[in-house]
Protein backbone atom coordinates (compact mmCIF):
# COMPACT_ATOMS: atom_id res chain seq x y z
CA MET A 1 -15.06 15.55 -16.67
CA GLY A 2 -12.20 14.12 -14.29
CA ARG A 3 -9.08 12.07 -15.26
CA ARG A 4 -11.06 9.42 -17.41
CA PHE A 5 -9.19 5.98 -17.98
CA PRO A 6 -10.88 3.96 -20.83
CA ALA A 7 -12.27 1.22 -19.57
CA GLY A 8 -10.45 -1.29 -21.08
CA ALA A 9 -7.77 -0.07 -19.34
CA LEU A 10 -9.15 -0.71 -15.90
CA ALA A 11 -7.06 -3.93 -15.56
CA VAL A 12 -3.68 -2.18 -16.38
CA LEU A 13 -4.70 0.87 -13.71
CA ALA A 14 -5.92 -1.79 -11.18
CA VAL A 15 -2.25 -3.28 -11.06
CA ALA A 16 -0.69 -0.03 -10.39
CA ALA A 17 0.39 1.70 -7.25
CA ALA A 18 -1.72 0.14 -4.57
CA LEU A 19 -4.80 -0.58 -6.41
CA VAL A 20 -4.09 -4.38 -7.05
CA PRO A 21 -6.57 -6.08 -9.22
CA SER A 22 -8.89 -9.29 -7.85
CA CYS A 23 -7.69 -11.88 -10.61
CA ALA A 24 -5.69 -13.01 -7.84
CA ALA A 25 -8.66 -12.90 -5.07
CA PRO A 26 -6.62 -14.60 -2.24
CA THR A 27 -3.71 -12.41 -2.30
CA VAL A 28 -5.22 -9.03 -3.07
CA LYS A 29 -3.67 -6.71 -0.90
CA ARG A 30 -5.67 -4.62 1.55
CA ALA A 31 -6.03 -1.23 2.80
CA MET A 32 -6.28 0.07 5.97
CA TRP A 33 -7.72 3.63 7.40
CA LEU A 34 -5.18 5.16 10.40
CA TRP A 35 -6.96 7.74 12.08
CA GLN A 36 -4.55 7.30 15.46
CA LYS A 37 -1.68 8.81 16.38
CA ALA A 38 0.15 5.15 16.67
CA ASP A 39 3.32 4.04 16.63
CA PRO A 40 5.01 3.75 12.90
CA ALA A 41 6.93 0.60 13.38
CA ALA A 42 3.83 -1.10 15.01
CA VAL A 43 1.34 0.17 12.64
CA VAL A 44 3.36 -0.85 9.68
CA GLU A 45 4.18 -4.09 11.46
CA TRP A 46 0.85 -4.97 11.61
CA ALA A 47 -0.21 -3.90 7.88
CA ALA A 48 2.15 -6.31 6.55
CA ALA A 49 1.32 -9.17 8.49
CA GLN A 50 -2.11 -8.52 7.21
CA LYS A 51 -1.00 -8.02 3.70
CA VAL A 52 -1.94 -4.70 3.54
CA GLY A 53 -0.66 -2.47 0.30
CA GLU A 54 -1.75 0.95 1.23
CA ILE A 55 -2.55 3.01 4.24
CA PHE A 56 -4.85 5.92 4.56
CA ALA A 57 -2.72 8.09 7.32
CA TYR A 58 -4.76 10.95 8.87
CA VAL A 59 -3.13 14.03 8.30
CA PRO A 60 -4.57 17.00 10.70
CA PRO A 61 -4.98 20.36 8.80
CA GLU A 62 -2.12 22.07 10.78
CA PRO A 63 0.22 18.76 11.76
CA THR A 64 2.83 20.00 14.81
CA ALA A 65 6.33 19.05 14.37
CA GLY A 66 5.87 15.74 16.49
CA GLU A 67 3.05 14.93 14.02
CA ARG A 68 5.56 15.53 10.60
CA THR A 69 8.36 13.53 12.43
CA ARG A 70 5.72 10.49 13.22
CA LEU A 71 4.43 10.56 9.65
CA THR A 72 7.73 10.77 8.21
CA GLU A 73 8.98 7.78 10.31
CA LEU A 74 5.87 5.96 9.10
CA LYS A 75 6.94 6.70 5.82
CA ARG A 76 10.24 5.33 5.98
CA ASN A 77 8.56 2.23 7.46
CA ALA A 78 6.08 1.75 5.18
CA ASP A 79 8.60 2.32 2.32
CA ALA A 80 10.84 -0.52 3.68
CA ALA A 81 7.78 -2.77 3.64
CA GLY A 82 6.39 -2.17 0.30
CA ILE A 83 3.40 -0.35 1.75
CA ALA A 84 1.89 2.88 0.14
CA LEU A 85 0.79 6.18 2.34
CA ALA A 86 -2.27 8.34 1.14
CA ALA A 87 -2.85 11.49 3.10
CA LEU A 88 -6.37 11.14 4.87
CA GLY A 89 -8.78 14.01 5.82
CA GLY A 90 -11.97 15.56 5.91
CA THR A 91 -15.05 17.00 7.71
CA PRO A 92 -18.35 17.33 6.42
CA GLU A 93 -17.79 20.74 7.03
CA TRP A 94 -15.60 20.97 3.89
CA THR A 95 -18.59 20.53 1.53
CA PHE A 96 -19.27 24.04 1.80
CA ASP A 97 -15.80 25.10 3.16
CA HIS A 98 -13.48 24.50 -0.18
CA ALA A 99 -10.77 27.05 1.20
CA ALA A 100 -9.93 24.76 4.29
CA ALA A 101 -10.29 21.69 1.81
CA LEU A 102 -7.58 23.15 -0.11
CA ALA A 103 -5.66 24.14 2.24
CA TRP A 104 -5.34 20.95 3.88
CA GLN A 105 -4.71 19.26 0.50
CA ARG A 106 -1.40 21.48 0.15
CA THR A 107 -0.62 21.24 3.50
CA ALA A 108 -0.60 17.16 3.15
CA MET A 109 0.65 16.71 -0.35
CA GLY A 110 3.20 19.27 0.24
CA THR A 111 4.90 16.86 2.64
CA GLY A 112 6.24 14.62 0.06
CA LEU A 113 5.07 11.53 1.84
CA PHE A 114 1.99 10.70 -0.07
CA ARG A 115 1.14 9.04 -3.31
CA ALA A 116 -2.55 10.17 -3.08
CA ALA A 117 -5.33 12.05 -1.38
CA HIS A 118 -7.98 10.35 0.44
CA VAL A 119 -10.97 12.32 1.62
CA ASP A 120 -13.75 11.38 3.69
CA VAL A 121 -16.26 14.18 3.58
CA GLU A 122 -19.99 12.77 4.14
CA PRO A 123 -21.84 15.83 3.55
CA TYR A 124 -25.07 13.78 4.52
CA HIS A 125 -24.12 14.40 8.06
CA LEU A 126 -24.65 18.63 7.66
CA PRO A 127 -28.37 19.85 8.38
CA ALA A 128 -28.21 21.20 5.05
CA TRP A 129 -28.43 17.77 3.48
CA LYS A 130 -32.22 17.76 4.63
CA THR A 131 -33.13 21.20 4.18
CA ASP A 132 -31.26 22.10 0.78
CA ARG A 133 -30.08 18.72 -0.65
CA ALA A 134 -29.69 19.99 -4.19
CA LYS A 135 -27.54 22.89 -3.45
CA THR A 136 -25.44 20.47 -0.78
CA VAL A 137 -24.49 17.86 -3.87
CA ALA A 138 -23.83 20.24 -5.86
CA SER A 139 -20.94 22.12 -3.69
CA PHE A 140 -20.14 18.94 -2.86
CA THR A 141 -19.19 17.83 -5.95
CA SER A 142 -17.96 20.96 -7.02
CA LEU A 143 -15.05 20.20 -4.27
CA LEU A 144 -14.29 17.23 -5.06
CA ALA A 145 -13.88 18.80 -8.69
CA GLU A 146 -11.15 21.63 -7.22
CA LEU A 147 -9.48 18.89 -5.24
CA ARG A 148 -8.89 17.06 -8.46
CA ASP A 149 -7.61 19.98 -10.28
CA ALA A 150 -5.57 21.51 -7.56
CA ASP A 151 -2.66 18.64 -6.90
CA PRO A 152 -1.65 16.41 -10.36
CA ARG A 153 -1.47 13.03 -7.74
CA PRO A 154 -4.58 10.69 -7.54
CA LEU A 155 -7.93 11.89 -5.51
CA GLU A 156 -9.84 9.15 -4.25
CA ALA A 157 -13.03 9.75 -2.16
CA ASP A 158 -14.94 7.77 0.39
CA VAL A 159 -18.45 7.10 -0.53
CA PRO A 160 -21.73 5.08 1.16
CA PHE A 161 -23.14 2.52 -1.13
CA TRP A 162 -26.43 4.27 -1.34
CA TYR A 163 -25.20 7.50 -3.61
CA GLN A 164 -26.86 5.97 -6.44
CA THR A 165 -30.15 7.01 -4.84
CA VAL A 166 -29.32 10.74 -4.83
CA PRO A 167 -30.24 12.67 -7.77
CA SER A 168 -27.13 15.35 -9.00
CA GLY A 169 -27.42 17.23 -11.85
CA GLY A 170 -29.66 15.23 -14.29
CA ARG A 171 -27.55 12.13 -13.09
CA THR A 172 -27.06 10.33 -9.46
CA LEU A 173 -24.32 11.74 -6.86
CA ALA A 174 -22.51 8.19 -7.41
CA ASP A 175 -21.81 8.65 -11.05
CA ASP A 176 -20.97 12.65 -10.44
CA VAL A 177 -18.03 11.73 -7.88
CA LEU A 178 -16.74 8.96 -9.97
CA ALA A 179 -16.54 11.62 -12.83
CA ARG A 180 -14.58 13.75 -10.53
CA VAL A 181 -12.03 11.46 -8.67
CA ASP A 182 -9.40 8.88 -9.38
CA ALA A 183 -10.69 6.37 -7.45
CA VAL A 184 -13.62 5.54 -4.73
CA THR A 185 -13.32 3.67 -1.76
CA VAL A 186 -17.45 2.07 -0.71
CA MET A 187 -17.90 2.18 2.75
CA SER A 188 -19.92 -0.89 2.30
CA TYR A 189 -20.50 -2.09 6.01
CA ARG A 190 -21.86 -5.00 6.79
CA ASP A 191 -20.67 -8.36 8.60
CA THR A 192 -21.59 -10.94 6.24
CA ALA A 193 -19.31 -11.27 2.71
CA THR A 194 -22.10 -12.31 0.21
CA GLY A 195 -26.15 -12.68 0.36
CA PRO A 196 -28.85 -10.48 0.96
CA GLY A 197 -27.75 -7.60 2.48
CA SER A 198 -24.20 -8.13 2.42
CA ILE A 199 -21.12 -6.13 1.47
CA MET A 200 -21.38 -7.35 -2.31
CA ASP A 201 -25.05 -7.15 -2.17
CA ILE A 202 -24.81 -3.31 -1.30
CA SER A 203 -21.66 -2.77 -3.36
CA ALA A 204 -22.55 -4.61 -6.64
CA ASP A 205 -24.15 -1.02 -7.88
CA MET A 206 -21.19 1.02 -7.45
CA LEU A 207 -18.98 -1.59 -8.75
CA ARG A 208 -20.98 -1.34 -12.04
CA ARG A 209 -20.54 2.36 -12.17
CA GLY A 210 -17.10 1.93 -11.39
CA GLU A 211 -16.64 -0.15 -14.46
CA ARG A 212 -18.62 2.09 -16.79
CA ALA A 213 -16.81 5.08 -15.59
CA GLY A 214 -13.31 3.64 -15.72
CA ARG A 215 -12.74 3.92 -12.04
CA PRO A 216 -11.04 1.62 -9.52
CA VAL A 217 -13.76 0.79 -6.57
CA ARG A 218 -12.12 -0.66 -3.66
CA LEU A 219 -14.96 -1.97 -0.75
CA GLY A 220 -14.64 -1.05 2.87
CA ALA A 221 -15.24 -3.30 5.93
CA GLU A 222 -15.81 -1.94 9.39
CA THR A 223 -14.14 -3.03 12.89
CA LEU A 224 -15.66 -0.18 15.17
CA ASP A 225 -18.56 -0.82 17.27
CA LEU A 226 -21.56 0.59 16.13
CA PRO A 227 -24.21 0.12 18.59
CA ASP A 228 -27.20 1.55 16.26
CA CYS A 229 -26.05 -0.99 13.58
CA PRO A 230 -24.52 -4.47 14.69
CA HIS A 231 -24.71 -6.00 11.71
CA CYS A 232 -22.57 -2.91 9.86
CA SER A 233 -19.20 -4.05 11.70
CA PHE A 234 -17.27 -7.19 12.58
CA HIS A 235 -16.66 -5.73 16.13
CA GLY A 236 -17.16 -8.77 18.40
CA LYS A 237 -15.74 -11.26 15.91
CA ASP A 238 -12.37 -12.42 15.78
CA ARG A 239 -10.06 -11.62 13.13
CA GLU A 240 -10.17 -15.08 11.73
CA ALA A 241 -13.65 -14.38 10.93
CA LEU A 242 -12.86 -11.09 9.22
CA ALA A 243 -10.11 -12.63 7.19
CA THR A 244 -12.57 -15.19 5.96
CA ALA A 245 -15.19 -12.67 5.07
CA LEU A 246 -12.54 -10.75 3.43
CA ASP A 247 -11.49 -13.30 1.35
CA GLN A 248 -14.94 -14.46 0.27
CA VAL A 249 -15.29 -10.80 -0.79
CA ASP A 250 -12.46 -10.85 -3.42
CA GLU A 251 -13.65 -14.14 -4.47
CA ALA A 252 -16.95 -12.77 -5.40
CA ALA A 253 -15.63 -9.17 -6.51
CA ALA A 254 -13.55 -10.82 -8.97
CA ALA A 255 -16.67 -10.78 -11.39
CA TYR A 256 -16.31 -6.93 -11.66
CA PRO A 257 -13.26 -5.47 -13.44
CA ALA A 258 -13.45 -2.29 -11.21
CA TYR A 259 -13.04 -4.22 -8.21
CA ALA A 260 -9.43 -3.14 -6.42
CA GLY A 261 -9.58 -4.71 -2.90
CA ILE A 262 -10.91 -4.02 0.58
CA ALA A 263 -9.96 -1.47 3.01
CA VAL A 264 -10.55 -2.18 6.72
CA HIS A 265 -11.72 0.73 9.13
CA ASP A 266 -9.64 1.10 10.85
CA TYR A 267 -6.20 0.10 12.28
CA ALA A 268 -7.01 0.68 15.98
CA ALA A 269 -10.45 -1.58 15.99
CA TRP A 270 -8.96 -3.80 13.49
CA THR A 271 -6.10 -4.79 16.14
CA ALA A 272 -8.62 -4.78 19.10
CA LEU A 273 -10.49 -7.71 17.17
CA ARG A 274 -9.65 -11.14 19.35
CA PRO A 275 -7.10 -13.21 17.97
């Protein structure tokens, strides 16, 4: 199912577009979530300085004329800096409201501004995750297949690191997601790079599954304040500490052929870290 790439082609795929391989770990380009209506020039200036190769830029379901203008300006600045854009969208309700998700995809990708769609759905936030998980999982995986089939451009999904613990049609949800998208970004939110309970520790399973599925796997680092999970974020640390940890992840993840770099969540919180 899905646009499966031969396992041997992972290195070639990872070189393409913004998915840069880990063979040159210290210079792997980053990615970044952009949920805010931030100044396009400032966003791209920051991204370029941080060696960000792709920005996941939020597109509302019904963008106003002003929002379209801002996204167009973001595209113009990003192109000049050699930075790719992916349309970012998603809400847990899309799990069952496929029409809304598909309408968003048509709108976002219809702008011609984005190389890919990047969805963040997180069905586990719905009450149905507890009351009827099997139905919720089935509807979620069906949604991904519909989004994949509705547009020829790549589809990337944000996933938690623990989807391998969730049954899905005789397999795991991790495997079923990988079978329906072109790439994943793991929300591997921890404040250490290696060792027990680190970014690498919680991501290793998905990296191995990505290799078997022929899918690039990005890892994610959090910078938002998470009072309920302070060890899940670099909030409170300085930018140097984050940069050092990301380089350490690049080095450790180089052993995994599926590794496609790190995405930082998100622009506003990252720029707010102490210099």
